[in-house]
Amino acid sequence: MSLLSSLKAMFSSDKTPAAPVAMDSEEYKGFTITPAPLPEGSQFRVNGTIVKGEQNHRFIRADVLGSKDACAQEMLRKARLTIDQVGDGIFR
């Protein structure tokens, strides 16, 4: 392997981003909330879906937490708050 190839391998980012993994869903006021923490390095971004009937809303926030379980709990908390504040308006 040449020096140039070695340098290129060190600085290239051929890593495929990890996909979120859906966790247990929760029913709340007629909505189904499914957390799916999104791995980002050694942390997890708040991510998931809120569904009611045929309507679906992807719920992603800037918050990142150190554990998948803490991230899922934070997603559930924020999703409940959003449902309380805007209800079906989340799908507009």
N, C-alpha and C. Protein backbone atom coordinates (compact mmCIF):
# COMPACT_ATOMS: atom_id res chain seq x y z
N MET A 1 0.85 -1.17 0.00
CA MET A 1 0.00 0.00 0.00
C MET A 1 0.90 1.23 0.00
N SER A 2 0.62 2.16 -0.88
CA SER A 2 1.44 3.36 -0.96
C SER A 2 1.09 4.34 0.16
N LEU A 3 1.94 5.30 0.35
CA LEU A 3 1.72 6.33 1.37
C LEU A 3 0.43 7.10 1.09
N LEU A 4 0.21 7.41 -0.17
CA LEU A 4 -0.99 8.16 -0.56
C LEU A 4 -2.26 7.35 -0.26
N SER A 5 -2.23 6.07 -0.55
CA SER A 5 -3.38 5.20 -0.26
C SER A 5 -3.64 5.12 1.24
N SER A 6 -2.56 5.05 2.01
CA SER A 6 -2.70 4.99 3.47
C SER A 6 -3.34 6.26 4.01
N LEU A 7 -2.88 7.40 3.51
CA LEU A 7 -3.46 8.67 3.95
C LEU A 7 -4.93 8.78 3.55
N LYS A 8 -5.23 8.36 2.35
CA LYS A 8 -6.62 8.42 1.87
C LYS A 8 -7.51 7.54 2.75
N ALA A 9 -7.05 6.36 3.11
CA ALA A 9 -7.83 5.45 3.95
C ALA A 9 -8.05 6.03 5.34
N MET A 10 -7.07 6.76 5.85
CA MET A 10 -7.20 7.36 7.19
C MET A 10 -8.27 8.44 7.23
N PHE A 11 -8.40 9.20 6.16
CA PHE A 11 -9.28 10.36 6.18
C PHE A 11 -10.60 10.16 5.44
N SER A 12 -10.78 9.03 4.82
CA SER A 12 -12.05 8.81 4.12
C SER A 12 -13.08 8.29 5.10
N SER A 13 -14.33 8.58 4.79
CA SER A 13 -15.41 8.12 5.68
C SER A 13 -16.34 7.20 4.89
N ASP A 14 -15.92 5.97 4.75
CA ASP A 14 -16.71 4.97 4.03
C ASP A 14 -17.72 4.29 4.95
N LYS A 15 -17.82 4.76 6.18
CA LYS A 15 -18.74 4.13 7.13
C LYS A 15 -20.18 4.47 6.77
N THR A 16 -21.01 3.47 6.75
CA THR A 16 -22.43 3.67 6.52
C THR A 16 -23.07 4.06 7.85
N PRO A 17 -23.87 5.15 7.86
CA PRO A 17 -24.48 5.54 9.13
C PRO A 17 -25.40 4.44 9.66
N ALA A 18 -25.39 4.29 10.97
CA ALA A 18 -26.22 3.26 11.59
C ALA A 18 -27.69 3.66 11.48
N ALA A 19 -28.54 2.68 11.28
CA ALA A 19 -29.97 2.94 11.16
C ALA A 19 -30.61 2.92 12.55
N PRO A 20 -31.66 3.73 12.72
CA PRO A 20 -32.36 3.69 14.00
C PRO A 20 -33.07 2.35 14.19
N VAL A 21 -33.18 1.92 15.42
CA VAL A 21 -33.87 0.67 15.73
C VAL A 21 -35.11 1.00 16.54
N ALA A 22 -36.28 0.63 15.99
CA ALA A 22 -37.54 0.92 16.68
C ALA A 22 -37.63 0.13 17.98
N MET A 23 -38.11 0.82 19.02
CA MET A 23 -38.28 0.19 20.32
C MET A 23 -39.77 0.02 20.59
N ASP A 24 -40.13 -0.45 21.77
CA ASP A 24 -41.53 -0.70 22.10
C ASP A 24 -42.36 0.57 21.96
N SER A 25 -43.53 0.43 21.34
CA SER A 25 -44.45 1.55 21.13
C SER A 25 -45.29 1.80 22.38
N GLU A 26 -45.84 2.99 22.43
CA GLU A 26 -46.74 3.37 23.52
C GLU A 26 -47.97 4.05 22.92
N GLU A 27 -49.14 3.71 23.45
CA GLU A 27 -50.38 4.38 23.04
C GLU A 27 -50.60 5.56 23.96
N TYR A 28 -50.94 6.73 23.38
CA TYR A 28 -51.17 7.92 24.17
C TYR A 28 -52.24 8.77 23.49
N LYS A 29 -53.39 8.90 24.12
CA LYS A 29 -54.51 9.72 23.63
C LYS A 29 -54.86 9.42 22.18
N GLY A 30 -54.86 8.14 21.81
CA GLY A 30 -55.22 7.75 20.45
C GLY A 30 -54.07 7.76 19.46
N PHE A 31 -52.88 8.14 19.89
CA PHE A 31 -51.69 8.17 19.04
C PHE A 31 -50.79 7.00 19.44
N THR A 32 -50.05 6.48 18.47
CA THR A 32 -49.03 5.46 18.75
C THR A 32 -47.68 6.13 18.61
N ILE A 33 -46.91 6.11 19.68
CA ILE A 33 -45.58 6.72 19.70
C ILE A 33 -44.56 5.59 19.71
N THR A 34 -43.65 5.62 18.73
CA THR A 34 -42.61 4.59 18.64
C THR A 34 -41.24 5.25 18.63
N PRO A 35 -40.51 5.14 19.73
CA PRO A 35 -39.15 5.69 19.75
C PRO A 35 -38.21 4.83 18.90
N ALA A 36 -37.28 5.50 18.22
CA ALA A 36 -36.27 4.81 17.42
C ALA A 36 -34.98 5.62 17.52
N PRO A 37 -34.28 5.53 18.66
CA PRO A 37 -33.06 6.32 18.84
C PRO A 37 -32.10 6.15 17.66
N LEU A 38 -31.56 7.27 17.21
CA LEU A 38 -30.68 7.29 16.05
C LEU A 38 -29.23 7.36 16.52
N PRO A 39 -28.44 6.29 16.31
CA PRO A 39 -27.05 6.30 16.77
C PRO A 39 -26.23 7.39 16.07
N GLU A 40 -25.50 8.16 16.86
CA GLU A 40 -24.58 9.18 16.34
C GLU A 40 -23.30 9.09 17.15
N GLY A 41 -22.34 8.38 16.63
CA GLY A 41 -21.11 8.15 17.37
C GLY A 41 -21.42 7.30 18.59
N SER A 42 -21.07 7.81 19.77
CA SER A 42 -21.32 7.06 21.00
C SER A 42 -22.61 7.52 21.68
N GLN A 43 -23.39 8.38 21.01
CA GLN A 43 -24.63 8.90 21.58
C GLN A 43 -25.82 8.54 20.69
N PHE A 44 -27.02 8.95 21.13
CA PHE A 44 -28.24 8.65 20.39
C PHE A 44 -29.09 9.91 20.27
N ARG A 45 -29.55 10.20 19.06
CA ARG A 45 -30.41 11.35 18.80
C ARG A 45 -31.87 10.96 19.02
N VAL A 46 -32.66 11.89 19.61
CA VAL A 46 -34.09 11.67 19.82
C VAL A 46 -34.76 11.55 18.45
N ASN A 47 -35.41 10.41 18.20
CA ASN A 47 -35.99 10.11 16.90
C ASN A 47 -37.09 9.07 17.08
N GLY A 48 -38.09 9.11 16.22
CA GLY A 48 -39.15 8.12 16.26
C GLY A 48 -40.32 8.54 15.39
N THR A 49 -41.46 7.90 15.59
CA THR A 49 -42.65 8.23 14.81
C THR A 49 -43.85 8.38 15.73
N ILE A 50 -44.78 9.21 15.26
CA ILE A 50 -46.08 9.38 15.92
C ILE A 50 -47.11 9.05 14.85
N VAL A 51 -47.99 8.10 15.15
CA VAL A 51 -48.98 7.62 14.18
C VAL A 51 -50.37 7.71 14.78
N LYS A 52 -51.33 8.10 13.94
CA LYS A 52 -52.74 8.05 14.32
C LYS A 52 -53.50 7.68 13.06
N GLY A 53 -54.11 6.51 13.07
CA GLY A 53 -54.81 6.02 11.87
C GLY A 53 -53.83 5.86 10.73
N GLU A 54 -54.11 6.51 9.61
CA GLU A 54 -53.24 6.44 8.43
C GLU A 54 -52.20 7.55 8.41
N GLN A 55 -52.27 8.46 9.37
CA GLN A 55 -51.35 9.59 9.40
C GLN A 55 -50.09 9.23 10.17
N ASN A 56 -48.96 9.72 9.67
CA ASN A 56 -47.66 9.37 10.22
C ASN A 56 -46.80 10.62 10.28
N HIS A 57 -46.13 10.86 11.40
CA HIS A 57 -45.23 12.01 11.56
C HIS A 57 -43.88 11.52 12.06
N ARG A 58 -42.82 11.85 11.34
CA ARG A 58 -41.47 11.51 11.81
C ARG A 58 -41.08 12.57 12.83
N PHE A 59 -40.68 12.11 14.00
CA PHE A 59 -40.37 12.97 15.13
C PHE A 59 -38.88 12.90 15.38
N ILE A 60 -38.14 13.96 15.04
CA ILE A 60 -36.70 13.98 15.27
C ILE A 60 -36.34 15.32 15.90
N ARG A 61 -35.46 15.28 16.88
CA ARG A 61 -35.07 16.48 17.61
C ARG A 61 -33.55 16.56 17.68
N ALA A 62 -33.05 17.71 18.05
CA ALA A 62 -31.61 17.94 18.12
C ALA A 62 -30.96 17.28 19.34
N ASP A 63 -31.77 16.91 20.33
CA ASP A 63 -31.24 16.34 21.57
C ASP A 63 -30.48 15.03 21.31
N VAL A 64 -29.33 14.89 21.96
CA VAL A 64 -28.60 13.62 21.94
C VAL A 64 -28.32 13.22 23.38
N LEU A 65 -28.44 11.93 23.65
CA LEU A 65 -28.23 11.40 24.99
C LEU A 65 -27.26 10.23 24.93
N GLY A 66 -26.71 9.88 26.08
CA GLY A 66 -25.67 8.87 26.16
C GLY A 66 -26.14 7.43 26.09
N SER A 67 -27.43 7.18 26.36
CA SER A 67 -27.90 5.79 26.28
C SER A 67 -29.16 5.69 25.44
N LYS A 68 -29.33 4.53 24.82
CA LYS A 68 -30.49 4.29 23.97
C LYS A 68 -31.79 4.36 24.77
N ASP A 69 -31.79 3.77 25.96
CA ASP A 69 -33.00 3.77 26.79
C ASP A 69 -33.38 5.18 27.25
N ALA A 70 -32.40 5.96 27.67
CA ALA A 70 -32.67 7.35 28.09
C ALA A 70 -33.20 8.16 26.91
N CYS A 71 -32.65 7.91 25.75
CA CYS A 71 -33.08 8.61 24.55
C CYS A 71 -34.53 8.24 24.21
N ALA A 72 -34.87 6.97 24.31
CA ALA A 72 -36.25 6.52 24.03
C ALA A 72 -37.22 7.16 25.01
N GLN A 73 -36.85 7.23 26.29
CA GLN A 73 -37.72 7.84 27.30
C GLN A 73 -37.91 9.34 27.03
N GLU A 74 -36.86 10.01 26.60
CA GLU A 74 -36.95 11.43 26.27
C GLU A 74 -37.83 11.65 25.04
N MET A 75 -37.73 10.76 24.06
CA MET A 75 -38.58 10.87 22.87
C MET A 75 -40.04 10.72 23.27
N LEU A 76 -40.35 9.74 24.12
CA LEU A 76 -41.72 9.54 24.58
C LEU A 76 -42.24 10.78 25.32
N ARG A 77 -41.41 11.34 26.19
CA ARG A 77 -41.81 12.52 26.95
C ARG A 77 -42.10 13.70 26.03
N LYS A 78 -41.20 13.95 25.07
CA LYS A 78 -41.38 15.08 24.15
C LYS A 78 -42.56 14.84 23.21
N ALA A 79 -42.76 13.61 22.78
CA ALA A 79 -43.89 13.31 21.90
C ALA A 79 -45.22 13.53 22.63
N ARG A 80 -45.31 13.08 23.89
CA ARG A 80 -46.53 13.31 24.67
C ARG A 80 -46.81 14.80 24.82
N LEU A 81 -45.78 15.57 25.11
CA LEU A 81 -45.92 17.01 25.25
C LEU A 81 -46.40 17.65 23.94
N THR A 82 -45.83 17.23 22.83
CA THR A 82 -46.24 17.74 21.52
C THR A 82 -47.69 17.39 21.23
N ILE A 83 -48.10 16.17 21.54
CA ILE A 83 -49.49 15.75 21.33
C ILE A 83 -50.42 16.59 22.20
N ASP A 84 -50.03 16.83 23.45
CA ASP A 84 -50.84 17.67 24.34
C ASP A 84 -50.98 19.09 23.80
N GLN A 85 -49.92 19.61 23.19
CA GLN A 85 -49.93 20.99 22.73
C GLN A 85 -50.61 21.19 21.37
N VAL A 86 -50.40 20.28 20.42
CA VAL A 86 -50.93 20.50 19.06
C VAL A 86 -51.89 19.42 18.58
N GLY A 87 -51.97 18.30 19.27
CA GLY A 87 -52.91 17.24 18.89
C GLY A 87 -52.74 16.83 17.44
N ASP A 88 -53.87 16.76 16.70
CA ASP A 88 -53.82 16.34 15.30
C ASP A 88 -53.10 17.33 14.40
N GLY A 89 -52.83 18.54 14.88
CA GLY A 89 -52.10 19.53 14.11
C GLY A 89 -50.68 19.09 13.77
N ILE A 90 -50.21 18.09 14.43
CA ILE A 90 -48.86 17.56 14.15
C ILE A 90 -48.76 17.02 12.72
N PHE A 91 -49.89 16.65 12.13
CA PHE A 91 -49.87 16.05 10.79
C PHE A 91 -50.04 17.08 9.67
N ARG A 92 -50.11 18.33 10.00
CA ARG A 92 -50.29 19.38 8.95
C ARG A 92 -48.99 19.81 8.37
